[in-house]
Amino acid sequence: MNTVLDVISGTFILLGAVFAFTAAVGVVRFADTLSRMHAATKPQVVGLVLVLTGAVIQLRGNVDIWMLVLVGIFTLTTAPIIAHNVGRTAYREQRGRDGLRIVNEPEN
């Protein structure tokens, strides 16, 4: 049974690392701020949650599991707020795609 849980844990950690790597590549490769924001938040958060899930499975029965759960909860609650603020700032400073403000003017 331990071997099966170790394989499941390793799979979660490896998948999380792949998601985090794709997020890093997306941040480097995408052209504008709004695209980079998407790459920096969505796959990075999913990758972190997968790595934390793998770590929780690996550390079964340990007291430190609750710290990993707290890290996951705080990440899931703060990442959308940070992404919203970055996107709003980029939108207001017109650093996004050309013609973005022409289509949809925000109200002040």
N, C-alpha and C. Protein backbone atom coordinates (compact mmCIF):
# COMPACT_ATOMS: atom_id res chain seq x y z
N MET A 1 0.81 -1.20 0.00
CA MET A 1 0.00 0.00 0.00
C MET A 1 0.86 1.26 0.00
N ASN A 2 1.99 1.22 0.71
CA ASN A 2 2.87 2.38 0.73
C ASN A 2 3.44 2.68 -0.64
N THR A 3 3.73 1.64 -1.42
CA THR A 3 4.29 1.85 -2.75
C THR A 3 3.27 2.53 -3.65
N VAL A 4 2.03 2.14 -3.56
CA VAL A 4 0.98 2.77 -4.37
C VAL A 4 0.82 4.24 -4.01
N LEU A 5 0.81 4.55 -2.72
CA LEU A 5 0.69 5.93 -2.29
C LEU A 5 1.92 6.75 -2.69
N ASP A 6 3.10 6.13 -2.67
CA ASP A 6 4.30 6.83 -3.11
C ASP A 6 4.24 7.15 -4.61
N VAL A 7 3.71 6.23 -5.39
CA VAL A 7 3.58 6.47 -6.83
C VAL A 7 2.56 7.57 -7.09
N ILE A 8 1.44 7.54 -6.39
CA ILE A 8 0.43 8.59 -6.54
C ILE A 8 0.99 9.94 -6.12
N SER A 9 1.70 9.97 -5.01
CA SER A 9 2.32 11.20 -4.54
C SER A 9 3.33 11.74 -5.54
N GLY A 10 4.17 10.87 -6.05
CA GLY A 10 5.15 11.29 -7.05
C GLY A 10 4.51 11.80 -8.33
N THR A 11 3.40 11.17 -8.71
CA THR A 11 2.68 11.62 -9.91
C THR A 11 2.12 13.02 -9.72
N PHE A 12 1.53 13.27 -8.57
CA PHE A 12 1.01 14.61 -8.28
C PHE A 12 2.12 15.65 -8.27
N ILE A 13 3.23 15.32 -7.65
CA ILE A 13 4.34 16.27 -7.58
C ILE A 13 4.92 16.52 -8.96
N LEU A 14 5.07 15.49 -9.76
CA LEU A 14 5.59 15.66 -11.12
C LEU A 14 4.64 16.47 -11.99
N LEU A 15 3.34 16.20 -11.92
CA LEU A 15 2.37 16.99 -12.68
C LEU A 15 2.36 18.45 -12.23
N GLY A 16 2.48 18.68 -10.94
CA GLY A 16 2.55 20.05 -10.44
C GLY A 16 3.78 20.78 -10.93
N ALA A 17 4.90 20.07 -10.98
CA ALA A 17 6.13 20.68 -11.50
C ALA A 17 5.99 21.01 -12.98
N VAL A 18 5.31 20.16 -13.74
CA VAL A 18 5.10 20.43 -15.16
C VAL A 18 4.21 21.67 -15.34
N PHE A 19 3.16 21.77 -14.55
CA PHE A 19 2.30 22.96 -14.62
C PHE A 19 3.08 24.22 -14.26
N ALA A 20 3.89 24.17 -13.22
CA ALA A 20 4.67 25.34 -12.83
C ALA A 20 5.69 25.71 -13.91
N PHE A 21 6.27 24.70 -14.55
CA PHE A 21 7.22 24.96 -15.64
C PHE A 21 6.52 25.62 -16.82
N THR A 22 5.33 25.13 -17.18
CA THR A 22 4.62 25.76 -18.29
C THR A 22 4.21 27.18 -17.95
N ALA A 23 3.91 27.46 -16.69
CA ALA A 23 3.61 28.83 -16.28
C ALA A 23 4.83 29.72 -16.45
N ALA A 24 5.99 29.22 -16.08
CA ALA A 24 7.21 30.00 -16.23
C ALA A 24 7.53 30.26 -17.70
N VAL A 25 7.34 29.25 -18.53
CA VAL A 25 7.58 29.43 -19.96
C VAL A 25 6.59 30.44 -20.53
N GLY A 26 5.34 30.38 -20.11
CA GLY A 26 4.34 31.31 -20.58
C GLY A 26 4.65 32.74 -20.19
N VAL A 27 5.15 32.95 -18.99
CA VAL A 27 5.51 34.30 -18.55
C VAL A 27 6.63 34.86 -19.42
N VAL A 28 7.57 34.02 -19.79
CA VAL A 28 8.69 34.47 -20.61
C VAL A 28 8.27 34.68 -22.07
N ARG A 29 7.40 33.82 -22.60
CA ARG A 29 7.09 33.83 -24.02
C ARG A 29 5.98 34.78 -24.44
N PHE A 30 4.99 35.02 -23.58
CA PHE A 30 3.86 35.84 -24.00
C PHE A 30 4.26 37.29 -24.13
N ALA A 31 3.55 38.01 -25.00
CA ALA A 31 3.96 39.35 -25.38
C ALA A 31 3.48 40.44 -24.43
N ASP A 32 2.23 40.43 -24.05
CA ASP A 32 1.71 41.54 -23.27
C ASP A 32 1.40 41.13 -21.83
N THR A 33 1.10 42.14 -21.04
CA THR A 33 0.91 41.93 -19.60
C THR A 33 -0.29 41.04 -19.29
N LEU A 34 -1.38 41.23 -20.02
CA LEU A 34 -2.58 40.45 -19.72
C LEU A 34 -2.37 38.97 -20.03
N SER A 35 -1.67 38.66 -21.09
CA SER A 35 -1.37 37.25 -21.40
C SER A 35 -0.41 36.67 -20.37
N ARG A 36 0.57 37.43 -19.98
CA ARG A 36 1.52 36.96 -18.96
C ARG A 36 0.83 36.75 -17.63
N MET A 37 -0.13 37.61 -17.33
CA MET A 37 -0.86 37.46 -16.07
C MET A 37 -1.62 36.14 -16.05
N HIS A 38 -2.23 35.78 -17.17
CA HIS A 38 -2.94 34.50 -17.24
C HIS A 38 -1.99 33.34 -17.02
N ALA A 39 -0.83 33.39 -17.67
CA ALA A 39 0.16 32.31 -17.52
C ALA A 39 0.74 32.26 -16.11
N ALA A 40 0.82 33.40 -15.47
CA ALA A 40 1.42 33.43 -14.13
C ALA A 40 0.47 32.98 -13.04
N THR A 41 -0.84 33.05 -13.28
CA THR A 41 -1.76 32.72 -12.20
C THR A 41 -2.39 31.35 -12.35
N LYS A 42 -2.98 31.06 -13.47
CA LYS A 42 -3.77 29.83 -13.59
C LYS A 42 -2.91 28.56 -13.46
N PRO A 43 -1.96 28.31 -14.34
CA PRO A 43 -1.21 27.05 -14.21
C PRO A 43 -0.30 27.02 -12.99
N GLN A 44 0.15 28.18 -12.54
CA GLN A 44 1.02 28.20 -11.37
C GLN A 44 0.26 27.76 -10.12
N VAL A 45 -0.97 28.22 -9.98
CA VAL A 45 -1.77 27.84 -8.81
C VAL A 45 -2.13 26.36 -8.87
N VAL A 46 -2.54 25.89 -10.05
CA VAL A 46 -2.86 24.47 -10.19
C VAL A 46 -1.63 23.62 -9.90
N GLY A 47 -0.46 24.05 -10.40
CA GLY A 47 0.77 23.32 -10.14
C GLY A 47 1.11 23.27 -8.66
N LEU A 48 0.94 24.39 -7.98
CA LEU A 48 1.23 24.42 -6.55
C LEU A 48 0.27 23.52 -5.77
N VAL A 49 -1.01 23.54 -6.13
CA VAL A 49 -1.98 22.68 -5.45
C VAL A 49 -1.65 21.21 -5.69
N LEU A 50 -1.24 20.86 -6.90
CA LEU A 50 -0.85 19.47 -7.17
C LEU A 50 0.39 19.07 -6.37
N VAL A 51 1.38 19.94 -6.30
CA VAL A 51 2.58 19.63 -5.51
C VAL A 51 2.22 19.49 -4.03
N LEU A 52 1.37 20.38 -3.54
CA LEU A 52 0.96 20.28 -2.13
C LEU A 52 0.16 19.01 -1.87
N THR A 53 -0.67 18.61 -2.82
CA THR A 53 -1.43 17.36 -2.66
C THR A 53 -0.48 16.17 -2.60
N GLY A 54 0.51 16.16 -3.48
CA GLY A 54 1.51 15.09 -3.45
C GLY A 54 2.29 15.08 -2.14
N ALA A 55 2.62 16.26 -1.63
CA ALA A 55 3.35 16.34 -0.37
C ALA A 55 2.49 15.87 0.80
N VAL A 56 1.20 16.19 0.77
CA VAL A 56 0.29 15.73 1.84
C VAL A 56 0.19 14.22 1.83
N ILE A 57 0.10 13.63 0.64
CA ILE A 57 0.04 12.17 0.55
C ILE A 57 1.34 11.55 1.05
N GLN A 58 2.45 12.17 0.71
CA GLN A 58 3.75 11.65 1.14
C GLN A 58 3.94 11.78 2.66
N LEU A 59 3.44 12.85 3.23
CA LEU A 59 3.62 13.11 4.67
C LEU A 59 2.45 12.61 5.51
N ARG A 60 1.71 11.65 5.03
CA ARG A 60 0.51 11.18 5.73
C ARG A 60 0.85 10.83 7.19
N GLY A 61 0.00 11.33 8.07
CA GLY A 61 0.19 11.07 9.49
C GLY A 61 1.10 12.07 10.18
N ASN A 62 1.63 13.05 9.46
CA ASN A 62 2.54 14.03 10.04
C ASN A 62 1.75 15.28 10.44
N VAL A 63 2.26 16.01 11.41
CA VAL A 63 1.60 17.22 11.89
C VAL A 63 1.71 18.35 10.86
N ASP A 64 2.73 18.35 10.04
CA ASP A 64 2.98 19.43 9.09
C ASP A 64 1.98 19.48 7.93
N ILE A 65 1.11 18.52 7.84
CA ILE A 65 0.11 18.51 6.76
C ILE A 65 -0.76 19.75 6.83
N TRP A 66 -1.11 20.19 8.03
CA TRP A 66 -2.00 21.35 8.16
C TRP A 66 -1.35 22.63 7.68
N MET A 67 -0.05 22.74 7.77
CA MET A 67 0.65 23.91 7.22
C MET A 67 0.56 23.90 5.69
N LEU A 68 0.67 22.73 5.09
CA LEU A 68 0.54 22.63 3.64
C LEU A 68 -0.89 22.97 3.20
N VAL A 69 -1.86 22.55 3.97
CA VAL A 69 -3.26 22.88 3.67
C VAL A 69 -3.47 24.39 3.77
N LEU A 70 -2.91 25.02 4.77
CA LEU A 70 -3.02 26.47 4.90
C LEU A 70 -2.36 27.20 3.74
N VAL A 71 -1.21 26.73 3.31
CA VAL A 71 -0.54 27.33 2.15
C VAL A 71 -1.43 27.24 0.92
N GLY A 72 -2.04 26.09 0.71
CA GLY A 72 -2.94 25.92 -0.42
C GLY A 72 -4.15 26.84 -0.34
N ILE A 73 -4.73 26.96 0.83
CA ILE A 73 -5.91 27.82 1.00
C ILE A 73 -5.55 29.28 0.77
N PHE A 74 -4.44 29.73 1.34
CA PHE A 74 -4.03 31.12 1.15
C PHE A 74 -3.69 31.41 -0.31
N THR A 75 -3.08 30.46 -0.99
CA THR A 75 -2.78 30.65 -2.41
C THR A 75 -4.05 30.74 -3.23
N LEU A 76 -4.99 29.86 -2.96
CA LEU A 76 -6.25 29.89 -3.71
C LEU A 76 -7.07 31.15 -3.45
N THR A 77 -6.91 31.76 -2.30
CA THR A 77 -7.66 32.98 -2.01
C THR A 77 -6.95 34.24 -2.48
N THR A 78 -5.63 34.26 -2.47
CA THR A 78 -4.92 35.49 -2.83
C THR A 78 -4.57 35.58 -4.32
N ALA A 79 -4.38 34.49 -5.02
CA ALA A 79 -3.99 34.54 -6.42
C ALA A 79 -5.01 35.24 -7.30
N PRO A 80 -6.31 34.99 -7.17
CA PRO A 80 -7.27 35.74 -8.00
C PRO A 80 -7.28 37.24 -7.70
N ILE A 81 -7.09 37.61 -6.45
CA ILE A 81 -7.08 39.02 -6.09
C ILE A 81 -5.87 39.71 -6.70
N ILE A 82 -4.71 39.08 -6.61
CA ILE A 82 -3.50 39.64 -7.20
C ILE A 82 -3.63 39.74 -8.71
N ALA A 83 -4.16 38.70 -9.35
CA ALA A 83 -4.33 38.73 -10.80
C ALA A 83 -5.30 39.83 -11.22
N HIS A 84 -6.35 40.02 -10.45
CA HIS A 84 -7.30 41.08 -10.76
C HIS A 84 -6.64 42.45 -10.67
N ASN A 85 -5.87 42.68 -9.62
CA ASN A 85 -5.20 43.98 -9.46
C ASN A 85 -4.16 44.22 -10.55
N VAL A 86 -3.41 43.21 -10.91
CA VAL A 86 -2.42 43.37 -11.98
C VAL A 86 -3.11 43.64 -13.31
N GLY A 87 -4.17 42.90 -13.60
CA GLY A 87 -4.90 43.12 -14.85
C GLY A 87 -5.55 44.49 -14.91
N ARG A 88 -6.09 44.92 -13.81
CA ARG A 88 -6.73 46.24 -13.77
C ARG A 88 -5.71 47.35 -13.96
N THR A 89 -4.55 47.20 -13.33
CA THR A 89 -3.50 48.19 -13.50
C THR A 89 -2.98 48.21 -14.93
N ALA A 90 -2.77 47.06 -15.52
CA ALA A 90 -2.30 47.00 -16.90
C ALA A 90 -3.34 47.57 -17.85
N TYR A 91 -4.59 47.32 -17.58
CA TYR A 91 -5.67 47.85 -18.42
C TYR A 91 -5.72 49.37 -18.34
N ARG A 92 -5.58 49.90 -17.15
CA ARG A 92 -5.64 51.35 -16.98
C ARG A 92 -4.42 52.06 -17.55
N GLU A 93 -3.28 51.42 -17.51
CA GLU A 93 -2.06 52.06 -18.03
C GLU A 93 -1.86 51.81 -19.51
N GLN A 94 -2.81 51.13 -20.14
CA GLN A 94 -2.77 50.84 -21.57
C GLN A 94 -1.51 50.11 -21.99
N ARG A 95 -1.07 49.18 -21.20
CA ARG A 95 0.11 48.39 -21.53
C ARG A 95 -0.27 47.05 -22.14
N GLY A 96 -1.55 46.86 -22.37
CA GLY A 96 -2.04 45.61 -22.96
C GLY A 96 -1.99 45.66 -24.47
N ARG A 97 -2.89 44.93 -25.10
CA ARG A 97 -2.95 44.87 -26.55
C ARG A 97 -3.37 46.20 -27.13
N ASP A 98 -2.99 46.47 -28.39
CA ASP A 98 -3.37 47.70 -29.08
C ASP A 98 -4.88 47.75 -29.26
N GLY A 99 -5.46 48.90 -29.01
CA GLY A 99 -6.88 49.10 -29.20
C GLY A 99 -7.76 48.52 -28.11
N LEU A 100 -7.19 48.12 -27.01
CA LEU A 100 -7.98 47.49 -25.95
C LEU A 100 -8.95 48.49 -25.31
N ARG A 101 -8.48 49.70 -25.09
CA ARG A 101 -9.32 50.70 -24.44
C ARG A 101 -10.36 51.29 -25.39
N ILE A 102 -10.16 51.17 -26.68
CA ILE A 102 -11.13 51.68 -27.63
C ILE A 102 -12.41 50.85 -27.57
N VAL A 103 -12.27 49.56 -27.40
CA VAL A 103 -13.42 48.66 -27.42
C VAL A 103 -14.26 48.81 -26.15
N ASN A 104 -13.62 48.95 -25.01
CA ASN A 104 -14.33 48.92 -23.74
C ASN A 104 -13.73 49.93 -22.79
N GLU A 105 -14.35 51.08 -22.68
CA GLU A 105 -13.85 52.12 -21.77
C GLU A 105 -14.31 51.84 -20.36
N PRO A 106 -13.39 51.77 -19.39
CA PRO A 106 -13.82 51.54 -18.00
C PRO A 106 -14.36 52.82 -17.39
N GLU A 107 -15.26 52.68 -16.44
CA GLU A 107 -15.78 53.84 -15.73
C GLU A 107 -14.90 54.11 -14.54
N ASN A 108 -14.69 55.37 -14.25
CA ASN A 108 -13.83 55.72 -13.10
C ASN A 108 -14.60 55.85 -11.84
